[in-house]
Protein backbone atom coordinates (compact mmCIF):
# COMPACT_ATOMS: atom_id res chain seq x y z
CA MET A 1 -5.33 3.58 -20.93
CA LYS A 2 -4.35 0.44 -19.07
CA LYS A 3 -6.59 -0.75 -16.26
CA ARG A 4 -5.55 -2.99 -13.38
CA SER A 5 -7.78 -4.64 -10.85
CA ALA A 6 -7.69 -6.32 -7.48
CA THR A 7 -10.31 -8.25 -5.58
CA ALA A 8 -11.09 -8.35 -1.88
CA VAL A 9 -13.40 -10.98 -0.37
CA TRP A 10 -14.58 -10.64 3.24
CA LYS A 11 -16.46 -13.30 5.20
CA GLY A 12 -17.92 -12.84 8.67
CA GLY A 13 -18.31 -9.92 11.02
CA LEU A 14 -15.93 -7.02 11.46
CA LYS A 15 -13.93 -8.37 14.41
CA ASP A 16 -14.27 -12.12 13.80
CA GLY A 17 -14.22 -12.11 10.00
CA LEU A 18 -11.46 -12.84 7.55
CA GLY A 19 -10.68 -11.33 4.18
CA HIS A 20 -8.48 -12.27 1.25
CA ILE A 21 -6.93 -9.92 -1.31
CA SER A 22 -5.88 -10.93 -4.83
CA SER A 23 -4.46 -8.87 -7.67
CA GLU A 24 -5.01 -9.35 -11.38
CA ALA A 25 -1.31 -9.85 -12.14
CA GLY A 26 -0.95 -12.39 -9.33
CA ALA A 27 1.44 -10.54 -7.01
CA LEU A 28 -1.24 -10.95 -4.36
CA ASN A 29 -2.99 -14.30 -4.38
CA ASN A 30 -5.55 -14.85 -1.62
CA VAL A 31 -3.45 -12.89 0.89
CA PRO A 32 -5.35 -12.90 4.21
CA TYR A 33 -6.25 -9.84 6.25
CA ASN A 34 -8.45 -9.30 9.30
CA PHE A 35 -9.36 -6.81 12.02
CA SER A 36 -6.32 -7.62 14.19
CA MET A 37 -3.91 -7.13 11.27
CA ARG A 38 -5.47 -3.76 10.52
CA PHE A 39 -6.17 -2.24 13.92
CA GLU A 40 -4.05 -4.24 16.36
CA ASP A 41 -0.57 -5.79 16.34
CA GLN A 42 -1.18 -9.11 14.56
CA LYS A 43 1.37 -9.71 11.79
CA GLY A 44 -0.02 -9.61 8.27
CA THR A 45 -1.06 -7.11 5.68
CA ASN A 46 -3.86 -4.58 5.61
CA PRO A 47 -5.32 -2.08 3.13
CA GLU A 48 -3.25 0.84 4.46
CA GLU A 49 0.00 -1.10 4.04
CA LEU A 50 -0.97 -1.81 0.43
CA ILE A 51 -1.74 1.90 -0.15
CA ALA A 52 1.70 2.74 1.31
CA ALA A 53 3.39 0.20 -0.98
CA ALA A 54 1.62 1.63 -4.02
CA HIS A 55 2.55 5.21 -3.06
CA ALA A 56 6.22 4.30 -2.52
CA ALA A 57 6.41 2.38 -5.81
CA CYS A 58 4.70 5.13 -7.81
CA PHE A 59 6.95 7.83 -6.36
CA SER A 60 10.12 5.81 -7.01
CA MET A 61 9.17 5.25 -10.64
CA PHE A 62 8.30 8.93 -11.10
CA LEU A 63 11.61 10.04 -9.57
CA SER A 64 13.39 7.59 -11.88
CA MET A 65 11.74 9.35 -14.83
CA VAL A 66 12.82 12.77 -13.54
CA LEU A 67 16.39 11.55 -13.09
CA GLY A 68 16.34 9.96 -16.54
CA ASP A 69 15.16 13.22 -18.12
CA ALA A 70 18.24 14.84 -16.51
CA GLY A 71 20.49 12.13 -17.97
CA MET A 72 20.98 10.24 -14.70
CA THR A 73 20.07 6.84 -13.33
CA GLY A 74 20.27 5.60 -9.79
CA GLU A 75 18.95 3.52 -6.97
CA ILE A 76 15.85 4.92 -5.28
CA ASN A 77 14.68 3.59 -1.92
CA THR A 78 11.32 5.02 -0.84
CA LYS A 79 9.44 4.30 2.39
CA ALA A 80 5.81 5.43 2.66
CA THR A 81 4.11 5.64 6.05
CA VAL A 82 0.32 5.85 5.89
CA THR A 83 -1.66 7.12 8.88
CA LEU A 84 -5.16 5.75 9.52
CA GLU A 85 -7.22 7.78 11.99
CA GLN A 86 -10.77 7.70 13.25
CA VAL A 87 -12.69 10.61 11.77
CA GLY A 88 -16.26 10.91 12.93
CA ASN A 89 -17.88 7.47 12.81
CA GLY A 90 -15.39 6.09 10.28
CA PHE A 91 -11.71 5.89 9.50
CA ASP A 92 -9.70 7.88 6.96
CA VAL A 93 -6.17 7.76 5.61
CA THR A 94 -5.13 11.20 6.86
CA SER A 95 -1.56 11.25 5.55
CA SER A 96 1.02 9.41 3.52
CA ALA A 97 4.56 10.53 4.30
CA LEU A 98 7.50 9.61 2.06
CA GLU A 99 11.13 9.11 3.08
CA ARG A 100 13.60 8.44 0.31
CA THR A 101 17.25 7.71 -0.25
CA VAL A 102 18.70 8.16 -3.72
CA LYS A 103 22.10 7.06 -5.00
CA VAL A 104 22.90 8.56 -8.43
């Protein structure tokens, strides 16, 4: 089993604070995120965008394996759209929808 890790550091309050995300392999290195990036229209990343990226990447690799098992290779373009909704007193990711284009 191979384990991977990422670290998130948050300083300050919910609306005035600032966080940074880093990944073990270095693809993310102190990437900032804050309330406005997550819940409003400020440009930048947020946890849901990172979940969407991971879902799209995982699906594309899996589909590549399926195609390979059938003796084919191709180009797979996958877009994941994650929906964050208020549920009760908190927020939940309520869906992750995939759109894909495949050229074999």
